[in-house]
Protein backbone atom coordinates (compact mmCIF):
# COMPACT_ATOMS: atom_id res chain seq x y z
CA MET A 1 79.70 112.95 179.64
CA ASP A 2 82.56 111.60 181.81
CA LEU A 3 81.23 108.60 183.45
CA GLU A 4 84.26 107.90 185.54
CA LYS A 5 83.47 111.21 187.47
CA MET A 6 79.85 109.84 188.22
CA SER A 7 79.03 108.42 191.56
CA HIS A 8 75.60 107.56 191.86
CA ALA A 9 73.63 104.93 189.88
CA GLU A 10 70.67 107.79 189.63
CA ASP A 11 73.56 109.71 187.41
CA LEU A 12 74.01 107.20 184.90
CA PRO A 13 72.19 107.87 181.73
CA ASP A 14 69.01 105.68 180.86
CA LEU A 15 70.18 103.27 178.12
CA SER A 16 67.34 101.28 178.03
CA THR A 17 65.21 103.37 175.45
CA PRO A 18 66.61 105.55 172.73
CA ALA A 19 65.57 109.11 173.02
CA ASP A 20 63.64 109.09 169.67
CA ASP A 21 61.51 106.18 170.72
CA PRO A 22 60.14 106.95 174.11
CA GLU A 23 57.91 104.30 175.67
CA PRO A 24 54.07 105.42 175.10
CA GLN A 25 52.33 106.57 178.19
CA ALA A 26 49.11 105.18 179.14
CA PRO A 27 45.90 107.43 179.11
CA ILE A 28 44.86 108.72 182.81
CA GLU A 29 41.43 107.47 183.54
CA PRO A 30 38.93 109.99 184.30
CA PRO A 31 37.34 109.97 187.76
CA LEU A 32 33.48 108.91 187.93
CA GLU A 33 32.55 112.46 188.83
CA ALA A 34 33.61 113.67 185.26
CA CYS A 35 31.05 112.14 183.83
CA CYS A 36 27.91 114.16 183.51
CA THR A 37 25.51 111.41 182.88
CA SER A 38 23.55 113.20 180.39
CA GLY A 39 24.35 110.44 177.48
CA CYS A 40 27.17 112.61 175.63
CA VAL A 41 28.21 110.99 172.48
CA PRO A 42 31.16 110.52 172.85
CA CYS A 43 31.27 110.08 176.51
CA ILE A 44 34.28 110.97 178.61
CA PHE A 45 34.72 107.24 179.14
CA ASP A 46 34.27 106.12 175.46
CA VAL A 47 36.86 108.53 174.65
CA TYR A 48 38.97 107.16 177.52
CA ALA A 49 38.55 103.47 176.04
CA GLU A 50 39.50 104.46 172.76
CA ASP A 51 42.70 106.15 174.16
CA LEU A 52 43.32 103.24 176.02
CA ASN A 53 43.13 100.56 173.28
CA ALA A 54 45.25 102.88 171.01
CA TYR A 55 47.74 102.76 173.95
CA ARG A 56 48.07 99.12 174.17
CA VAL A 57 48.50 98.80 170.75
CA ALA A 58 51.20 101.60 170.36
CA HIS A 59 52.89 100.07 173.86
CA MET A 60 53.07 96.48 172.11
CA ALA A 61 54.59 98.00 168.84
CA TRP A 62 57.13 99.62 171.21
CA LYS A 63 57.97 96.49 173.01
CA ALA A 64 58.28 94.86 169.63
CA ARG A 65 60.93 97.26 168.46
CA GLN A 66 62.75 97.39 171.68
CA ALA A 67 63.02 93.39 171.77
CA ALA A 68 64.16 93.84 168.23
CA ASN A 69 66.92 96.50 168.85
CA ASN A 70 68.23 94.39 171.88
CA THR A 71 68.38 91.36 170.04
CA PRO A 72 71.99 90.36 169.49
CA GLN A 73 73.44 90.42 165.71
CA SER A 74 74.89 87.44 164.66
């Protein structure tokens, strides 16, 4: 990639996250209408809550890795 030929900021490579360690994506909250209200086990909102907790743990770990990778070596 020839950086001298690039003229726009959006053309610059994103150096904030390595390609092999992408930032985890939050799960999409289901709309209220997605629940059938029949007492399913697990309910779609139970599944979402579990996915959201897993995302939070994964995102905290990812942020820690990013901080460790961006710490200058002495």
